[in-house]
Amino acid sequence: MKKIISATEAAKFVKENSSLMIGGFLRCGSPVKIIDELIKNKTGGLTLIANDTCVPDHDRGKLVVNKLVKKAIVTHIGTNPETGRQMNAGEIEIELVPMGTLVERIRSAGAGLGGVLTPTGSGTVVEQGKQKIVVDGKTYLLEKPLRADCAIIYASKADKYGNAFLDGTTRNFNTVMATAAETVILEADEISDEPLDPAQITIPGIFVDYIVA
């Protein structure tokens, strides 16, 4: 069985100046209770790894508004004007990564791979500082694995063994991030005393360290 903890306890696993993966896509499928506790604790200097910086008044966006993020590795920032303002003011570092590439970099870390070869970004500013590899006459960029100190992810339902069910688009980034962090904390809407039906399981419990109800 996995240890069930409070959101307050979960937030303490995220340390100042650490790297943090947060699952979800905009306002869908994010661990909002744990994020709120991080804001209460004023845990700053974070390197945020996520699809986006959401909107100013919701989950990841509130971390940016409260100036707790020093760097964000994301696919876009357009829905959060505060991220753009801080970037232009030199208050936050932004690394924009094509969405498929970001997912594959995280997956590579979880699978223990040395990276992924992709043509995406070749010939653009994305290729700056990256190794190029030619395969059968085609140029690819070597995108290195992306791992985090901690991942906080979301599920609709979990059992006490850490197995989780994610409904629909809440799966975005949560499933792959569960494999690529030193500590993985799952925030679930519901925790079942009975094991989930294997056919329901989206994230196996082997990847989860702690559960927050």
C-alpha atoms as a PDB file:
ATOM      1  CA  MET A   1       0.000   0.000   0.000  1.00  0.00           C
ATOM      2  CA  LYS A   2       1.030   3.594  -0.653  1.00  0.00           C
ATOM      3  CA  LYS A   3       1.163   6.209   2.054  1.00  0.00           C
ATOM      4  CA  ILE A   4      -1.825   8.549   1.968  1.00  0.00           C
ATOM      5  CA  ILE A   5      -0.844  12.064   3.003  1.00  0.00           C
ATOM      6  CA  SER A   6      -2.406  15.512   3.117  1.00  0.00           C
ATOM      7  CA  ALA A   7      -1.793  18.217   0.526  1.00  0.00           C
ATOM      8  CA  THR A   8       0.099  20.110   3.233  1.00  0.00           C
ATOM      9  CA  GLU A   9       2.455  17.164   3.744  1.00  0.00           C
ATOM     10  CA  ALA A  10       2.813  16.637   0.004  1.00  0.00           C
ATOM     11  CA  ALA A  11       3.942  20.208  -0.602  1.00  0.00           C
ATOM     12  CA  LYS A  12       6.860  19.705   1.797  1.00  0.00           C
ATOM     13  CA  PHE A  13       8.410  17.209  -0.615  1.00  0.00           C
ATOM     14  CA  VAL A  14       8.904  20.048  -3.096  1.00  0.00           C
ATOM     15  CA  LYS A  15      12.048  21.861  -2.064  1.00  0.00           C
ATOM     16  CA  GLU A  16      13.254  25.384  -2.804  1.00  0.00           C
ATOM     17  CA  ASN A  17      15.158  25.589  -6.114  1.00  0.00           C
ATOM     18  CA  SER A  18      14.084  22.096  -7.182  1.00  0.00           C
ATOM     19  CA  SER A  19      12.724  20.883 -10.525  1.00  0.00           C
ATOM     20  CA  LEU A  20       9.009  20.170 -10.539  1.00  0.00           C
ATOM     21  CA  MET A  21       6.817  18.440 -13.108  1.00  0.00           C
ATOM     22  CA  ILE A  22       3.126  19.290 -12.969  1.00  0.00           C
ATOM     23  CA  GLY A  23       0.638  17.314 -15.027  1.00  0.00           C
ATOM     24  CA  GLY A  24      -2.343  18.647 -16.903  1.00  0.00           C
ATOM     25  CA  PHE A  25      -3.216  20.785 -19.896  1.00  0.00           C
ATOM     26  CA  LEU A  26      -4.342  24.340 -19.147  1.00  0.00           C
ATOM     27  CA  ARG A  27      -7.076  24.024 -16.486  1.00  0.00           C
ATOM     28  CA  CYS A  28      -7.641  20.306 -17.060  1.00  0.00           C
ATOM     29  CA  GLY A  29      -6.101  17.542 -14.952  1.00  0.00           C
ATOM     30  CA  SER A  30      -3.850  19.411 -12.533  1.00  0.00           C
ATOM     31  CA  PRO A  31      -3.213  18.760  -8.793  1.00  0.00           C
ATOM     32  CA  VAL A  32      -4.662  22.069  -7.609  1.00  0.00           C
ATOM     33  CA  LYS A  33      -4.662  21.341  -3.855  1.00  0.00           C
ATOM     34  CA  ILE A  34      -0.928  20.627  -3.746  1.00  0.00           C
ATOM     35  CA  ILE A  35      -0.208  23.705  -5.866  1.00  0.00           C
ATOM     36  CA  ASP A  36      -2.156  25.881  -3.440  1.00  0.00           C
ATOM     37  CA  GLU A  37      -0.042  24.530  -0.578  1.00  0.00           C
ATOM     38  CA  LEU A  38       3.153  25.353  -2.476  1.00  0.00           C
ATOM     39  CA  ILE A  39       1.916  28.917  -2.761  1.00  0.00           C
ATOM     40  CA  LYS A  40       1.147  29.052   0.961  1.00  0.00           C
ATOM     41  CA  ASN A  41       4.671  27.795   1.689  1.00  0.00           C
ATOM     42  CA  LYS A  42       6.184  30.288  -0.780  1.00  0.00           C
ATOM     43  CA  THR A  43       8.357  27.507  -2.198  1.00  0.00           C
ATOM     44  CA  GLY A  44      10.347  29.405  -4.811  1.00  0.00           C
ATOM     45  CA  GLY A  45      13.184  29.134  -7.281  1.00  0.00           C
ATOM     46  CA  LEU A  46      11.340  26.309  -9.032  1.00  0.00           C
ATOM     47  CA  THR A  47      12.142  24.938 -12.455  1.00  0.00           C
ATOM     48  CA  LEU A  48       8.667  24.157 -13.747  1.00  0.00           C
ATOM     49  CA  ILE A  49       8.242  21.417 -16.334  1.00  0.00           C
ATOM     50  CA  ALA A  50       4.723  21.407 -17.740  1.00  0.00           C
ATOM     51  CA  ASN A  51       2.715  21.762 -20.910  1.00  0.00           C
ATOM     52  CA  ASP A  52       1.995  25.426 -20.174  1.00  0.00           C
ATOM     53  CA  THR A  53       1.794  28.112 -17.501  1.00  0.00           C
ATOM     54  CA  CYS A  54      -2.017  27.941 -17.576  1.00  0.00           C
ATOM     55  CA  VAL A  55      -3.863  31.189 -16.764  1.00  0.00           C
ATOM     56  CA  PRO A  56      -3.026  33.720 -14.029  1.00  0.00           C
ATOM     57  CA  ASP A  57      -5.706  32.621 -11.552  1.00  0.00           C
ATOM     58  CA  HIS A  58      -5.421  28.829 -11.804  1.00  0.00           C
ATOM     59  CA  ASP A  59      -2.955  26.099 -10.722  1.00  0.00           C
ATOM     60  CA  ARG A  60       0.448  26.508 -12.487  1.00  0.00           C
ATOM     61  CA  GLY A  61      -0.400  30.053 -13.442  1.00  0.00           C
ATOM     62  CA  LYS A  62      -0.650  31.054  -9.793  1.00  0.00           C
ATOM     63  CA  LEU A  63       2.897  29.794  -9.193  1.00  0.00           C
ATOM     64  CA  VAL A  64       4.084  32.218 -11.856  1.00  0.00           C
ATOM     65  CA  VAL A  65       1.978  35.102 -10.539  1.00  0.00           C
ATOM     66  CA  ASN A  66       3.471  34.566  -7.080  1.00  0.00           C
ATOM     67  CA  LYS A  67       6.969  34.589  -8.617  1.00  0.00           C
ATOM     68  CA  LEU A  68       7.839  31.099  -7.395  1.00  0.00           C
ATOM     69  CA  VAL A  69       9.114  29.923 -10.789  1.00  0.00           C
ATOM     70  CA  LYS A  70      12.619  30.891 -11.938  1.00  0.00           C
ATOM     71  CA  LYS A  71      12.491  28.814 -15.129  1.00  0.00           C
ATOM     72  CA  ALA A  72       9.667  27.205 -17.082  1.00  0.00           C
ATOM     73  CA  ILE A  73      10.184  24.442 -19.627  1.00  0.00           C
ATOM     74  CA  VAL A  74       6.865  24.512 -21.477  1.00  0.00           C
ATOM     75  CA  THR A  75       5.233  24.337 -24.901  1.00  0.00           C
ATOM     76  CA  HIS A  76       3.512  27.734 -24.752  1.00  0.00           C
ATOM     77  CA  ILE A  77       2.865  30.705 -22.483  1.00  0.00           C
ATOM     78  CA  GLY A  78       0.256  32.603 -24.487  1.00  0.00           C
ATOM     79  CA  THR A  79      -2.637  31.989 -22.101  1.00  0.00           C
ATOM     80  CA  ASN A  80      -0.841  33.634 -19.164  1.00  0.00           C
ATOM     81  CA  PRO A  81       0.073  37.286 -19.812  1.00  0.00           C
ATOM     82  CA  GLU A  82       2.000  37.435 -16.539  1.00  0.00           C
ATOM     83  CA  THR A  83       4.454  34.818 -17.816  1.00  0.00           C
ATOM     84  CA  GLY A  84       5.166  36.946 -20.861  1.00  0.00           C
ATOM     85  CA  ARG A  85       5.564  40.063 -18.744  1.00  0.00           C
ATOM     86  CA  GLN A  86       8.041  38.362 -16.404  1.00  0.00           C
ATOM     87  CA  MET A  87       9.948  36.931 -19.371  1.00  0.00           C
ATOM     88  CA  ASN A  88      10.288  40.347 -21.020  1.00  0.00           C
ATOM     89  CA  ALA A  89      11.358  41.853 -17.675  1.00  0.00           C
ATOM     90  CA  GLY A  90      14.035  39.191 -17.209  1.00  0.00           C
ATOM     91  CA  GLU A  91      12.309  37.837 -14.091  1.00  0.00           C
ATOM     92  CA  ILE A  92      11.771  34.326 -15.439  1.00  0.00           C
ATOM     93  CA  GLU A  93      13.603  32.117 -17.930  1.00  0.00           C
ATOM     94  CA  ILE A  94      11.450  30.416 -20.543  1.00  0.00           C
ATOM     95  CA  GLU A  95      12.482  27.372 -22.572  1.00  0.00           C
ATOM     96  CA  LEU A  96       9.897  26.727 -25.253  1.00  0.00           C
ATOM     97  CA  VAL A  97       9.793  23.120 -26.448  1.00  0.00           C
ATOM     98  CA  PRO A  98       7.550  21.684 -29.187  1.00  0.00           C
ATOM     99  CA  MET A  99       4.798  19.702 -27.486  1.00  0.00           C
ATOM    100  CA  GLY A 100       5.618  16.317 -28.960  1.00  0.00           C
ATOM    101  CA  THR A 101       9.287  16.843 -28.204  1.00  0.00           C
ATOM    102  CA  LEU A 102       8.540  17.718 -24.583  1.00  0.00           C
ATOM    103  CA  VAL A 103       6.493  14.553 -24.125  1.00  0.00           C
ATOM    104  CA  GLU A 104       9.223  12.432 -25.727  1.00  0.00           C
ATOM    105  CA  ARG A 105      11.968  13.982 -23.595  1.00  0.00           C
ATOM    106  CA  ILE A 106      10.005  13.115 -20.460  1.00  0.00           C
ATOM    107  CA  ARG A 107       9.193   9.634 -21.763  1.00  0.00           C
ATOM    108  CA  SER A 108      12.872   9.067 -22.571  1.00  0.00           C
ATOM    109  CA  ALA A 109      13.806   9.835 -18.967  1.00  0.00           C
ATOM    110  CA  GLY A 110      11.192   7.437 -17.662  1.00  0.00           C
ATOM    111  CA  ALA A 111      12.319   4.691 -20.015  1.00  0.00           C
ATOM    112  CA  GLY A 112      16.001   5.143 -19.218  1.00  0.00           C
ATOM    113  CA  LEU A 113      16.868   6.201 -22.757  1.00  0.00           C
ATOM    114  CA  GLY A 114      19.632   8.588 -23.811  1.00  0.00           C
ATOM    115  CA  GLY A 115      17.224  10.869 -25.629  1.00  0.00           C
ATOM    116  CA  VAL A 116      15.132  10.995 -28.773  1.00  0.00           C
ATOM    117  CA  LEU A 117      15.914  11.944 -32.384  1.00  0.00           C
ATOM    118  CA  THR A 118      13.403  14.303 -33.972  1.00  0.00           C
ATOM    119  CA  PRO A 119      13.333  16.454 -37.101  1.00  0.00           C
ATOM    120  CA  THR A 120      11.070  18.961 -35.340  1.00  0.00           C
ATOM    121  CA  GLY A 121      12.866  22.271 -34.948  1.00  0.00           C
ATOM    122  CA  SER A 122      15.660  21.493 -37.380  1.00  0.00           C
ATOM    123  CA  GLY A 123      16.649  24.634 -39.247  1.00  0.00           C
ATOM    124  CA  THR A 124      15.009  26.906 -36.646  1.00  0.00           C
ATOM    125  CA  VAL A 125      16.092  28.575 -33.397  1.00  0.00           C
ATOM    126  CA  VAL A 126      15.071  25.354 -31.622  1.00  0.00           C
ATOM    127  CA  GLU A 127      18.230  23.638 -32.891  1.00  0.00           C
ATOM    128  CA  GLN A 128      20.614  26.124 -31.257  1.00  0.00           C
ATOM    129  CA  GLY A 129      23.127  24.377 -28.990  1.00  0.00           C
ATOM    130  CA  LYS A 130      21.820  20.909 -29.839  1.00  0.00           C
ATOM    131  CA  GLN A 131      23.614  17.973 -31.401  1.00  0.00           C
ATOM    132  CA  LYS A 132      22.555  17.103 -34.941  1.00  0.00           C
ATOM    133  CA  ILE A 133      22.594  13.526 -36.175  1.00  0.00           C
ATOM    134  CA  VAL A 134      22.101  12.476 -39.786  1.00  0.00           C
ATOM    135  CA  VAL A 135      20.216   9.231 -40.375  1.00  0.00           C
ATOM    136  CA  ASP A 136      19.699   8.006 -43.951  1.00  0.00           C
ATOM    137  CA  GLY A 137      20.412  11.483 -45.230  1.00  0.00           C
ATOM    138  CA  LYS A 138      17.915  13.233 -42.950  1.00  0.00           C
ATOM    139  CA  THR A 139      18.980  15.592 -40.161  1.00  0.00           C
ATOM    140  CA  TYR A 140      17.603  15.065 -36.671  1.00  0.00           C
ATOM    141  CA  LEU A 141      18.083  16.905 -33.400  1.00  0.00           C
ATOM    142  CA  LEU A 142      19.128  14.910 -30.354  1.00  0.00           C
ATOM    143  CA  GLU A 143      16.701  15.940 -27.618  1.00  0.00           C
ATOM    144  CA  LYS A 144      17.971  14.832 -24.231  1.00  0.00           C
ATOM    145  CA  PRO A 145      15.876  13.183 -21.467  1.00  0.00           C
ATOM    146  CA  LEU A 146      14.048  15.458 -19.067  1.00  0.00           C
ATOM    147  CA  ARG A 147      13.726  14.331 -15.453  1.00  0.00           C
ATOM    148  CA  ALA A 148      12.557  16.146 -12.304  1.00  0.00           C
ATOM    149  CA  ASP A 149      13.155  16.033  -8.576  1.00  0.00           C
ATOM    150  CA  CYS A 150       9.415  15.771  -8.007  1.00  0.00           C
ATOM    151  CA  ALA A 151       6.260  15.269 -10.055  1.00  0.00           C
ATOM    152  CA  ILE A 152       2.816  16.176  -8.803  1.00  0.00           C
ATOM    153  CA  ILE A 153       0.096  14.611 -10.890  1.00  0.00           C
ATOM    154  CA  TYR A 154      -3.686  14.186 -10.890  1.00  0.00           C
ATOM    155  CA  ALA A 155      -6.136  11.306 -11.173  1.00  0.00           C
ATOM    156  CA  SER A 156      -9.891  10.997 -11.085  1.00  0.00           C
ATOM    157  CA  LYS A 157      -9.650   7.899  -8.915  1.00  0.00           C
ATOM    158  CA  ALA A 158      -6.942   5.850  -7.224  1.00  0.00           C
ATOM    159  CA  ASP A 159      -6.786   2.802  -5.008  1.00  0.00           C
ATOM    160  CA  LYS A 160      -4.692   2.425  -1.864  1.00  0.00           C
ATOM    161  CA  TYR A 161      -1.988   0.666  -3.897  1.00  0.00           C
ATOM    162  CA  GLY A 162      -1.394   3.771  -5.980  1.00  0.00           C
ATOM    163  CA  ASN A 163      -3.045   2.511  -9.142  1.00  0.00           C
ATOM    164  CA  ALA A 164      -4.835   5.392 -10.823  1.00  0.00           C
ATOM    165  CA  PHE A 165      -7.626   5.988 -13.312  1.00  0.00           C
ATOM    166  CA  LEU A 166      -7.563   9.202 -15.344  1.00  0.00           C
ATOM    167  CA  ASP A 167     -10.623  10.190 -17.316  1.00  0.00           C
ATOM    168  CA  GLY A 168     -10.376  11.553 -20.855  1.00  0.00           C
ATOM    169  CA  THR A 169      -8.051  14.489 -21.453  1.00  0.00           C
ATOM    170  CA  THR A 170      -6.946  14.613 -17.805  1.00  0.00           C
ATOM    171  CA  ARG A 171      -4.360  12.076 -18.973  1.00  0.00           C
ATOM    172  CA  ASN A 172      -2.388  14.844 -20.674  1.00  0.00           C
ATOM    173  CA  PHE A 173       1.180  14.789 -19.342  1.00  0.00           C
ATOM    174  CA  ASN A 174       0.146  13.091 -16.072  1.00  0.00           C
ATOM    175  CA  THR A 175       0.789   9.580 -17.367  1.00  0.00           C
ATOM    176  CA  VAL A 176       4.269  10.213 -18.748  1.00  0.00           C
ATOM    177  CA  MET A 177       5.380  12.427 -15.836  1.00  0.00           C
ATOM    178  CA  ALA A 178       4.607   9.606 -13.410  1.00  0.00           C
ATOM    179  CA  THR A 179       7.629   7.755 -14.802  1.00  0.00           C
ATOM    180  CA  ALA A 180      10.196  10.548 -14.819  1.00  0.00           C
ATOM    181  CA  ALA A 181      10.679  11.996 -11.334  1.00  0.00           C
ATOM    182  CA  GLU A 182      12.494  10.979  -8.169  1.00  0.00           C
ATOM    183  CA  THR A 183       9.334  11.470  -6.098  1.00  0.00           C
ATOM    184  CA  VAL A 184       5.830  11.143  -7.567  1.00  0.00           C
ATOM    185  CA  ILE A 185       2.803  12.424  -5.664  1.00  0.00           C
ATOM    186  CA  LEU A 186      -0.678  11.692  -6.948  1.00  0.00           C
ATOM    187  CA  GLU A 187      -3.645  13.908  -6.059  1.00  0.00           C
ATOM    188  CA  ALA A 188      -6.871  11.947  -6.544  1.00  0.00           C
ATOM    189  CA  ASP A 189     -10.484  13.051  -6.388  1.00  0.00           C
ATOM    190  CA  GLU A 190     -11.388   9.677  -4.886  1.00  0.00           C
ATOM    191  CA  ILE A 191      -9.449   6.899  -3.162  1.00  0.00           C
ATOM    192  CA  SER A 192     -10.955   3.410  -3.290  1.00  0.00           C
ATOM    193  CA  ASP A 193     -10.418   0.830  -0.563  1.00  0.00           C
ATOM    194  CA  GLU A 194     -10.836  -1.865  -3.186  1.00  0.00           C
ATOM    195  CA  PRO A 195      -8.211  -2.420  -5.921  1.00  0.00           C
ATOM    196  CA  LEU A 196      -9.097  -0.839  -9.245  1.00  0.00           C
ATOM    197  CA  ASP A 197     -10.151  -3.092 -12.086  1.00  0.00           C
ATOM    198  CA  PRO A 198      -6.946  -3.710 -14.079  1.00  0.00           C
ATOM    199  CA  ALA A 199      -8.783  -2.615 -17.221  1.00  0.00           C
ATOM    200  CA  GLN A 200      -9.338   0.803 -15.603  1.00  0.00           C
ATOM    201  CA  ILE A 201      -5.754   1.482 -14.585  1.00  0.00           C
ATOM    202  CA  THR A 202      -4.132   4.364 -16.444  1.00  0.00           C
ATOM    203  CA  ILE A 203      -1.069   4.751 -14.201  1.00  0.00           C
ATOM    204  CA  PRO A 204       0.237   1.637 -12.393  1.00  0.00           C
ATOM    205  CA  GLY A 205       0.901   2.087  -8.694  1.00  0.00           C
ATOM    206  CA  ILE A 206       4.563   1.133  -9.087  1.00  0.00           C
ATOM    207  CA  PHE A 207       5.235   4.684 -10.298  1.00  0.00           C
ATOM    208  CA  VAL A 208       3.466   6.442  -7.397  1.00  0.00           C
ATOM    209  CA  ASP A 209       5.130   7.221  -4.054  1.00  0.00           C
ATOM    210  CA  TYR A 210       2.374   9.100  -2.199  1.00  0.00           C
ATOM    211  CA  ILE A 211      -1.344   9.751  -2.602  1.00  0.00           C
ATOM    212  CA  VAL A 212      -3.247  12.886  -1.643  1.00  0.00           C
ATOM    213  CA  ALA A 213      -7.008  12.674  -1.270  1.00  0.00           C
END
